[in-house]
């Protein structure tokens, strides 16, 4: 027999305001950040983040597993995106010569040109929509909050169904 779960701890008004503010931003910001990228470069936000992460890596090369971690995407989602980027000749994939169990994503020169052209558009949107609206203290608080919320509690089961 399993014990009944404890009753829910309902949100008080301040908690509800914090939660609805966070989830609203989480749902709103990707579209707002993606729109200028799509207009200027035909990129989704996830495609840009993928290209950007590879562009900042040594030799413009990353293992797919590391790239998935850096972009907060699953390996299957990332594989589909990289396949599209390969079709545009912006990225190539090859087995890792150091360990063939891994696959490397390599940014091509053409892909680097694309990310260089898109970067000013993206940083302008990030500044206008987020950073320039915040004080230095706000930005520090946002970074602390993001770090706290970016990790799961030790006892949290990822496959929870509630």
N, C-alpha and C. Protein backbone atom coordinates (compact mmCIF):
# COMPACT_ATOMS: atom_id res chain seq x y z
N UNK A 1 0.83 -1.18 0.00
CA UNK A 1 0.00 0.00 0.00
C UNK A 1 0.88 1.25 0.00
N UNK A 2 0.43 2.22 -0.73
CA UNK A 2 1.15 3.48 -0.75
C UNK A 2 0.38 4.51 0.08
N UNK A 3 1.13 5.37 0.73
CA UNK A 3 0.49 6.41 1.53
C UNK A 3 -0.12 7.46 0.62
N UNK A 4 -1.19 8.06 1.09
CA UNK A 4 -1.80 9.15 0.33
C UNK A 4 -0.82 10.31 0.27
N UNK A 5 -0.78 10.99 -0.86
CA UNK A 5 0.12 12.15 -0.94
C UNK A 5 -0.37 13.24 0.01
N UNK A 6 0.55 14.06 0.46
CA UNK A 6 0.11 15.16 1.34
C UNK A 6 -0.79 16.11 0.57
N UNK A 7 -1.65 16.83 1.27
CA UNK A 7 -2.51 17.78 0.56
C UNK A 7 -1.66 18.88 -0.10
N UNK A 8 -2.15 19.46 -1.18
CA UNK A 8 -1.36 20.50 -1.85
C UNK A 8 -1.19 21.72 -0.97
N UNK A 9 -0.04 22.36 -1.10
CA UNK A 9 0.20 23.64 -0.44
C UNK A 9 -0.18 24.72 -1.45
N UNK A 10 -1.41 25.21 -1.36
CA UNK A 10 -1.90 26.17 -2.33
C UNK A 10 -1.08 27.45 -2.28
N UNK A 11 -1.03 28.14 -3.40
CA UNK A 11 -0.26 29.37 -3.50
C UNK A 11 -0.98 30.53 -2.82
N UNK A 12 -0.22 31.29 -2.05
CA UNK A 12 -0.80 32.52 -1.51
C UNK A 12 -0.72 33.58 -2.62
N UNK A 13 -1.35 34.75 -2.44
CA UNK A 13 -1.37 35.74 -3.53
C UNK A 13 0.02 36.16 -4.02
N UNK A 14 0.97 36.34 -3.12
CA UNK A 14 2.33 36.74 -3.55
C UNK A 14 2.99 35.60 -4.34
N UNK A 15 2.83 34.36 -3.91
CA UNK A 15 3.39 33.23 -4.63
C UNK A 15 2.73 33.09 -6.00
N UNK A 16 1.42 33.29 -6.04
CA UNK A 16 0.71 33.20 -7.33
C UNK A 16 1.21 34.28 -8.29
N UNK A 17 1.41 35.49 -7.79
CA UNK A 17 1.95 36.56 -8.64
C UNK A 17 3.34 36.20 -9.16
N UNK A 18 4.19 35.67 -8.30
CA UNK A 18 5.54 35.28 -8.71
C UNK A 18 5.48 34.18 -9.77
N UNK A 19 4.64 33.16 -9.51
CA UNK A 19 4.55 32.04 -10.44
C UNK A 19 3.97 32.47 -11.78
N UNK A 20 2.86 33.19 -11.78
CA UNK A 20 2.25 33.57 -13.06
C UNK A 20 3.14 34.54 -13.83
N UNK A 21 3.88 35.38 -13.11
CA UNK A 21 4.84 36.25 -13.77
C UNK A 21 5.94 35.45 -14.46
N UNK A 22 6.48 34.46 -13.75
CA UNK A 22 7.54 33.63 -14.33
C UNK A 22 7.03 32.83 -15.53
N UNK A 23 5.92 32.15 -15.39
CA UNK A 23 5.46 31.30 -16.49
C UNK A 23 5.03 32.14 -17.68
N UNK A 24 4.47 33.31 -17.42
CA UNK A 24 4.12 34.21 -18.53
C UNK A 24 5.36 34.61 -19.31
N UNK A 25 6.42 34.98 -18.60
CA UNK A 25 7.68 35.34 -19.27
C UNK A 25 8.27 34.15 -20.01
N UNK A 26 8.23 32.98 -19.39
CA UNK A 26 8.79 31.79 -20.02
C UNK A 26 8.09 31.47 -21.34
N UNK A 27 6.81 31.74 -21.40
CA UNK A 27 6.05 31.48 -22.62
C UNK A 27 6.16 32.62 -23.63
N UNK A 28 6.32 33.82 -23.15
CA UNK A 28 6.34 35.01 -24.01
C UNK A 28 7.70 35.27 -24.66
N UNK A 29 8.76 35.15 -23.90
CA UNK A 29 10.07 35.59 -24.37
C UNK A 29 10.61 34.82 -25.58
N UNK A 30 10.48 33.51 -25.67
CA UNK A 30 11.03 32.84 -26.85
C UNK A 30 10.48 33.40 -28.16
N UNK A 31 9.20 33.64 -28.24
CA UNK A 31 8.62 34.20 -29.46
C UNK A 31 9.12 35.60 -29.74
N UNK A 32 9.22 36.41 -28.69
CA UNK A 32 9.72 37.78 -28.87
C UNK A 32 11.18 37.80 -29.30
N UNK A 33 11.98 36.88 -28.79
CA UNK A 33 13.39 36.82 -29.17
C UNK A 33 13.57 36.18 -30.54
N UNK A 34 12.68 35.29 -30.91
CA UNK A 34 12.79 34.59 -32.19
C UNK A 34 12.36 35.46 -33.37
N UNK A 35 11.37 36.29 -33.18
CA UNK A 35 10.82 37.06 -34.30
C UNK A 35 11.88 37.87 -35.06
N UNK A 36 12.73 38.65 -34.39
CA UNK A 36 13.74 39.37 -35.16
C UNK A 36 14.76 38.47 -35.84
N UNK A 37 15.09 37.35 -35.21
CA UNK A 37 16.02 36.39 -35.82
C UNK A 37 15.42 35.79 -37.09
N UNK A 38 14.14 35.48 -37.01
CA UNK A 38 13.48 34.89 -38.16
C UNK A 38 13.40 35.88 -39.32
N UNK A 39 13.05 37.13 -38.99
CA UNK A 39 12.97 38.17 -40.04
C UNK A 39 14.35 38.43 -40.67
N UNK A 40 15.37 38.54 -39.85
CA UNK A 40 16.70 38.93 -40.35
C UNK A 40 17.48 37.79 -40.97
N UNK A 41 17.34 36.58 -40.42
CA UNK A 41 18.21 35.49 -40.86
C UNK A 41 17.49 34.19 -41.15
N UNK A 42 16.17 34.15 -41.00
CA UNK A 42 15.43 32.92 -41.24
C UNK A 42 15.73 31.84 -40.22
N UNK A 43 16.12 32.26 -38.99
CA UNK A 43 16.49 31.31 -37.95
C UNK A 43 15.45 31.25 -36.85
N UNK A 44 15.27 30.06 -36.30
CA UNK A 44 14.53 29.94 -35.05
C UNK A 44 15.49 30.29 -33.92
N UNK A 45 14.95 30.56 -32.76
CA UNK A 45 15.79 30.86 -31.60
C UNK A 45 16.68 29.66 -31.27
N UNK A 46 16.13 28.45 -31.35
CA UNK A 46 16.92 27.25 -31.04
C UNK A 46 18.03 27.05 -32.08
N UNK A 47 17.75 27.32 -33.34
CA UNK A 47 18.80 27.22 -34.36
C UNK A 47 19.91 28.23 -34.08
N UNK A 48 19.52 29.46 -33.74
CA UNK A 48 20.53 30.48 -33.43
C UNK A 48 21.36 30.06 -32.22
N UNK A 49 20.70 29.60 -31.16
CA UNK A 49 21.43 29.19 -29.97
C UNK A 49 22.39 28.04 -30.29
N UNK A 50 21.98 27.14 -31.15
CA UNK A 50 22.84 26.03 -31.56
C UNK A 50 24.06 26.55 -32.30
N UNK A 51 23.85 27.38 -33.30
CA UNK A 51 24.97 27.95 -34.07
C UNK A 51 25.87 28.78 -33.16
N UNK A 52 25.29 29.57 -32.30
CA UNK A 52 26.05 30.43 -31.41
C UNK A 52 26.94 29.63 -30.47
N UNK A 53 26.39 28.59 -29.89
CA UNK A 53 27.19 27.76 -28.97
C UNK A 53 28.37 27.12 -29.69
N UNK A 54 28.14 26.61 -30.89
CA UNK A 54 29.25 26.00 -31.64
C UNK A 54 30.27 27.07 -32.01
N UNK A 55 29.80 28.26 -32.37
CA UNK A 55 30.73 29.32 -32.79
C UNK A 55 31.67 29.74 -31.68
N UNK A 56 31.25 29.59 -30.44
CA UNK A 56 32.07 30.00 -29.30
C UNK A 56 32.98 28.89 -28.79
N UNK A 57 32.84 27.69 -29.32
CA UNK A 57 33.65 26.55 -28.88
C UNK A 57 35.01 26.56 -29.57
N UNK A 58 36.00 25.98 -28.92
CA UNK A 58 37.31 25.86 -29.58
C UNK A 58 37.17 25.14 -30.92
N UNK A 59 37.83 25.69 -31.93
CA UNK A 59 37.79 25.14 -33.30
C UNK A 59 36.36 25.04 -33.84
N UNK A 60 35.44 25.82 -33.24
CA UNK A 60 34.02 25.80 -33.65
C UNK A 60 33.48 24.38 -33.73
N UNK A 61 33.81 23.57 -32.72
CA UNK A 61 33.45 22.16 -32.69
C UNK A 61 32.97 21.78 -31.30
N UNK A 62 31.84 21.07 -31.23
CA UNK A 62 31.31 20.58 -29.96
C UNK A 62 30.75 19.17 -30.15
N UNK A 63 30.87 18.37 -29.11
CA UNK A 63 30.17 17.09 -29.10
C UNK A 63 28.67 17.38 -29.05
N UNK A 64 27.92 16.58 -29.74
CA UNK A 64 26.46 16.76 -29.77
C UNK A 64 25.88 16.70 -28.35
N UNK A 65 26.38 15.82 -27.50
CA UNK A 65 25.86 15.72 -26.13
C UNK A 65 26.11 17.00 -25.36
N UNK A 66 27.27 17.61 -25.53
CA UNK A 66 27.57 18.88 -24.87
C UNK A 66 26.70 20.00 -25.44
N UNK A 67 26.50 19.98 -26.74
CA UNK A 67 25.66 20.98 -27.39
C UNK A 67 24.22 20.87 -26.91
N UNK A 68 23.73 19.66 -26.73
CA UNK A 68 22.38 19.47 -26.20
C UNK A 68 22.26 20.07 -24.81
N UNK A 69 23.27 19.86 -23.98
CA UNK A 69 23.27 20.43 -22.64
C UNK A 69 23.28 21.96 -22.70
N UNK A 70 24.14 22.52 -23.53
CA UNK A 70 24.28 23.98 -23.62
C UNK A 70 23.04 24.67 -24.17
N UNK A 71 22.30 23.98 -25.03
CA UNK A 71 21.10 24.57 -25.63
C UNK A 71 19.82 24.17 -24.89
N UNK A 72 19.97 23.38 -23.84
CA UNK A 72 18.82 22.88 -23.08
C UNK A 72 17.85 22.12 -23.97
N UNK A 73 18.39 21.37 -24.90
CA UNK A 73 17.56 20.58 -25.80
C UNK A 73 17.88 19.10 -25.66
N UNK A 74 16.94 18.27 -26.02
CA UNK A 74 17.19 16.83 -26.01
C UNK A 74 18.10 16.50 -27.20
N UNK A 75 18.77 15.36 -27.11
CA UNK A 75 19.61 14.94 -28.23
C UNK A 75 18.79 14.73 -29.49
N UNK A 76 17.57 14.23 -29.35
CA UNK A 76 16.76 14.00 -30.56
C UNK A 76 16.34 15.32 -31.19
N UNK A 77 15.94 16.31 -30.38
CA UNK A 77 15.58 17.62 -30.93
C UNK A 77 16.79 18.26 -31.59
N UNK A 78 17.92 18.20 -30.90
CA UNK A 78 19.14 18.80 -31.44
C UNK A 78 19.55 18.11 -32.73
N UNK A 79 19.44 16.79 -32.79
CA UNK A 79 19.79 16.06 -34.00
C UNK A 79 18.96 16.51 -35.19
N UNK A 80 17.67 16.72 -34.96
CA UNK A 80 16.79 17.20 -36.04
C UNK A 80 17.18 18.60 -36.49
N UNK A 81 17.51 19.47 -35.55
CA UNK A 81 17.91 20.84 -35.89
C UNK A 81 19.24 20.82 -36.63
N UNK A 82 20.19 20.06 -36.14
CA UNK A 82 21.51 20.00 -36.80
C UNK A 82 21.37 19.41 -38.20
N UNK A 83 20.46 18.48 -38.38
CA UNK A 83 20.21 17.93 -39.72
C UNK A 83 19.77 19.04 -40.67
N UNK A 84 18.89 19.92 -40.20
CA UNK A 84 18.46 21.06 -41.02
C UNK A 84 19.61 22.03 -41.29
N UNK A 85 20.44 22.25 -40.28
CA UNK A 85 21.59 23.14 -40.44
C UNK A 85 22.62 22.53 -41.40
N UNK A 86 22.75 21.22 -41.37
CA UNK A 86 23.63 20.53 -42.33
C UNK A 86 23.12 20.71 -43.76
N UNK A 87 21.81 20.62 -43.93
CA UNK A 87 21.21 20.79 -45.26
C UNK A 87 21.49 22.17 -45.83
N UNK A 88 21.68 23.14 -44.95
CA UNK A 88 22.00 24.50 -45.38
C UNK A 88 23.52 24.73 -45.48
N UNK A 89 24.30 23.68 -45.23
CA UNK A 89 25.77 23.73 -45.25
C UNK A 89 26.34 24.65 -44.18
N UNK A 90 25.65 24.76 -43.04
CA UNK A 90 26.11 25.60 -41.94
C UNK A 90 26.84 24.80 -40.87
N UNK A 91 26.56 23.50 -40.82
CA UNK A 91 27.15 22.61 -39.82
C UNK A 91 27.45 21.29 -40.50
N UNK A 92 28.52 20.63 -40.04
CA UNK A 92 28.77 19.25 -40.45
C UNK A 92 28.87 18.40 -39.18
N UNK A 93 28.61 17.12 -39.34
CA UNK A 93 28.77 16.18 -38.22
C UNK A 93 29.76 15.11 -38.62
N UNK A 94 30.55 14.69 -37.63
CA UNK A 94 31.53 13.65 -37.86
C UNK A 94 31.76 12.89 -36.56
N UNK A 95 32.14 11.62 -36.64
CA UNK A 95 32.48 10.91 -35.39
C UNK A 95 33.67 11.60 -34.71
N UNK A 96 33.65 11.61 -33.39
CA UNK A 96 34.74 12.19 -32.62
C UNK A 96 35.96 11.28 -32.75
N UNK A 97 37.09 11.77 -33.30
CA UNK A 97 38.27 10.91 -33.45
C UNK A 97 38.84 10.47 -32.11
N UNK A 98 38.59 11.22 -31.05
CA UNK A 98 39.08 10.84 -29.73
C UNK A 98 38.24 9.72 -29.11
N UNK A 99 36.99 9.61 -29.51
CA UNK A 99 36.09 8.58 -28.99
C UNK A 99 34.92 8.46 -29.95
N UNK A 100 34.95 7.45 -30.79
CA UNK A 100 33.96 7.25 -31.84
C UNK A 100 32.53 7.08 -31.36
N UNK A 101 32.33 6.93 -30.06
CA UNK A 101 30.96 6.83 -29.54
C UNK A 101 30.25 8.17 -29.59
N UNK A 102 31.01 9.24 -29.74
CA UNK A 102 30.46 10.58 -29.76
C UNK A 102 30.47 11.15 -31.17
N UNK A 103 29.56 12.09 -31.40
CA UNK A 103 29.51 12.79 -32.68
C UNK A 103 29.83 14.26 -32.44
N UNK A 104 30.64 14.82 -33.32
CA UNK A 104 31.01 16.23 -33.24
C UNK A 104 30.15 17.04 -34.20
N UNK A 105 29.74 18.20 -33.75
CA UNK A 105 29.08 19.19 -34.62
C UNK A 105 30.13 20.27 -34.89
N UNK A 106 30.35 20.55 -36.15
CA UNK A 106 31.38 21.51 -36.56
C UNK A 106 30.72 22.62 -37.37
N UNK A 107 30.95 23.84 -36.96
CA UNK A 107 30.40 25.00 -37.67
C UNK A 107 31.25 25.27 -38.91
N UNK A 108 30.61 25.35 -40.06
CA UNK A 108 31.33 25.65 -41.30
C UNK A 108 31.60 27.15 -41.38
N UNK A 109 32.43 27.54 -42.32
CA UNK A 109 32.67 28.97 -42.53
C UNK A 109 31.37 29.70 -42.88
N UNK A 110 30.54 29.07 -43.71
CA UNK A 110 29.26 29.67 -44.07
C UNK A 110 28.36 29.81 -42.84
N UNK A 111 28.35 28.78 -41.99
CA UNK A 111 27.57 28.85 -40.76
C UNK A 111 28.08 29.94 -39.84
N UNK A 112 29.39 30.12 -39.79
CA UNK A 112 29.97 31.18 -38.97
C UNK A 112 29.54 32.55 -39.48
N UNK A 113 29.48 32.71 -40.80
CA UNK A 113 29.01 33.98 -41.38
C UNK A 113 27.56 34.23 -40.98
N UNK A 114 26.74 33.18 -40.99
CA UNK A 114 25.33 33.32 -40.62
C UNK A 114 25.19 33.76 -39.17
N UNK A 115 25.91 33.11 -38.28
CA UNK A 115 25.79 33.45 -36.86
C UNK A 115 26.38 34.84 -36.59
N UNK A 116 27.42 35.22 -37.29
CA UNK A 116 27.98 36.57 -37.14
C UNK A 116 26.97 37.63 -37.59
N UNK A 117 26.26 37.36 -38.65
CA UNK A 117 25.25 38.31 -39.14
C UNK A 117 24.04 38.37 -38.21
N UNK A 118 23.67 37.24 -37.62
CA UNK A 118 22.49 37.18 -36.76
C UNK A 118 22.77 37.68 -35.34
N UNK A 119 24.00 37.60 -34.89
CA UNK A 119 24.33 37.96 -33.50
C UNK A 119 23.93 39.39 -33.13
N UNK A 120 24.21 40.40 -33.97
CA UNK A 120 23.78 41.76 -33.59
C UNK A 120 22.27 41.89 -33.46
N UNK A 121 21.53 41.18 -34.29
CA UNK A 121 20.07 41.20 -34.22
C UNK A 121 19.61 40.60 -32.89
N UNK A 122 20.22 39.48 -32.52
CA UNK A 122 19.84 38.81 -31.29
C UNK A 122 20.20 39.64 -30.06
N UNK A 123 21.42 40.16 -30.02
CA UNK A 123 21.83 40.92 -28.85
C UNK A 123 21.02 42.21 -28.71
N UNK A 124 20.63 42.81 -29.82
CA UNK A 124 19.76 43.99 -29.77
C UNK A 124 18.42 43.62 -29.11
N UNK A 125 17.85 42.51 -29.51
CA UNK A 125 16.57 42.07 -28.93
C UNK A 125 16.73 41.74 -27.45
N UNK A 126 17.80 41.06 -27.08
CA UNK A 126 18.05 40.72 -25.68
C UNK A 126 18.16 42.00 -24.85
N UNK A 127 18.88 42.98 -25.37
CA UNK A 127 19.02 44.25 -24.65
C UNK A 127 17.68 44.97 -24.53
N UNK A 128 16.97 45.12 -25.66
CA UNK A 128 15.71 45.88 -25.66
C UNK A 128 14.63 45.21 -24.83
N UNK A 129 14.54 43.89 -24.91
CA UNK A 129 13.45 43.18 -24.25
C UNK A 129 13.75 42.81 -22.80
N UNK A 130 15.04 42.71 -22.44
CA UNK A 130 15.38 42.23 -21.10
C UNK A 130 16.38 43.15 -20.39
N UNK A 131 17.61 43.11 -20.81
CA UNK A 131 18.70 43.66 -20.00
C UNK A 131 18.61 45.16 -19.77
N UNK A 132 18.29 45.94 -20.80
CA UNK A 132 18.25 47.39 -20.63
C UNK A 132 17.07 47.85 -19.79
N UNK A 133 16.12 46.99 -19.54
CA UNK A 133 14.96 47.33 -18.70
C UNK A 133 15.26 47.09 -17.22
N UNK A 134 16.40 46.46 -16.94
CA UNK A 134 16.73 46.09 -15.57
C UNK A 134 17.90 46.91 -15.05
N UNK A 135 17.91 47.13 -13.75
CA UNK A 135 19.06 47.76 -13.11
C UNK A 135 20.15 46.71 -12.96
N UNK A 136 21.33 47.18 -12.58
CA UNK A 136 22.43 46.25 -12.32
C UNK A 136 22.03 45.25 -11.23
N UNK A 137 21.37 45.74 -10.19
CA UNK A 137 20.91 44.86 -9.10
C UNK A 137 19.86 43.87 -9.61
N UNK A 138 18.96 44.34 -10.48
CA UNK A 138 17.95 43.44 -11.07
C UNK A 138 18.62 42.32 -11.87
N UNK A 139 19.64 42.68 -12.67
CA UNK A 139 20.33 41.67 -13.48
C UNK A 139 21.03 40.65 -12.59
N UNK A 140 21.64 41.12 -11.51
CA UNK A 140 22.30 40.19 -10.57
C UNK A 140 21.26 39.26 -9.93
N UNK A 141 20.12 39.83 -9.55
CA UNK A 141 19.04 39.02 -8.96
C UNK A 141 18.52 38.01 -9.97
N UNK A 142 18.34 38.45 -11.22
CA UNK A 142 17.86 37.54 -12.26
C UNK A 142 18.85 36.38 -12.47
N UNK A 143 20.13 36.68 -12.48
CA UNK A 143 21.14 35.63 -12.65
C UNK A 143 21.09 34.65 -11.47
N UNK A 144 20.94 35.16 -10.25
CA UNK A 144 20.85 34.27 -9.07
C UNK A 144 19.60 33.40 -9.15
N UNK A 145 18.47 34.01 -9.51
CA UNK A 145 17.21 33.26 -9.59
C UNK A 145 17.29 32.20 -10.68
N UNK A 146 17.83 32.57 -11.84
CA UNK A 146 17.96 31.60 -12.93
C UNK A 146 18.84 30.43 -12.51
N UNK A 147 19.93 30.72 -11.79
CA UNK A 147 20.81 29.64 -11.33
C UNK A 147 20.08 28.71 -10.37
N UNK A 148 19.30 29.30 -9.46
CA UNK A 148 18.55 28.47 -8.51
C UNK A 148 17.50 27.62 -9.20
N UNK A 149 16.78 28.22 -10.16
CA UNK A 149 15.70 27.50 -10.82
C UNK A 149 16.20 26.55 -11.91
N UNK A 150 17.44 26.71 -12.33
CA UNK A 150 17.99 25.87 -13.38
C UNK A 150 18.42 24.50 -12.92
N UNK A 151 18.44 24.28 -11.62
CA UNK A 151 18.81 22.97 -11.09
C UNK A 151 17.60 22.38 -10.38
N UNK A 152 17.46 21.08 -10.47
CA UNK A 152 16.34 20.40 -9.81
C UNK A 152 16.70 20.05 -8.38
N UNK A 153 15.73 20.09 -7.47
CA UNK A 153 16.01 19.62 -6.11
C UNK A 153 16.45 18.17 -6.14
N UNK A 154 17.30 17.79 -5.20
CA UNK A 154 17.88 16.44 -5.17
C UNK A 154 16.81 15.35 -5.11
N UNK A 155 15.69 15.62 -4.45
CA UNK A 155 14.67 14.59 -4.29
C UNK A 155 13.57 14.66 -5.34
N UNK A 156 13.75 15.49 -6.38
CA UNK A 156 12.73 15.65 -7.40
C UNK A 156 12.86 14.56 -8.45
N UNK A 157 11.77 13.87 -8.72
CA UNK A 157 11.76 12.83 -9.74
C UNK A 157 11.39 13.48 -11.07
N UNK A 158 12.26 13.40 -12.06
CA UNK A 158 12.05 14.06 -13.33
C UNK A 158 10.80 13.56 -14.04
N UNK A 159 10.44 12.32 -13.83
CA UNK A 159 9.29 11.76 -14.54
C UNK A 159 7.99 11.91 -13.74
N UNK A 160 7.92 12.88 -12.82
CA UNK A 160 6.69 13.07 -12.08
C UNK A 160 5.54 13.36 -13.04
N UNK A 161 4.39 12.84 -12.74
CA UNK A 161 3.26 12.97 -13.64
C UNK A 161 2.27 14.04 -13.16
N UNK A 162 2.59 14.76 -12.11
CA UNK A 162 1.66 15.76 -11.58
C UNK A 162 2.11 17.15 -11.98
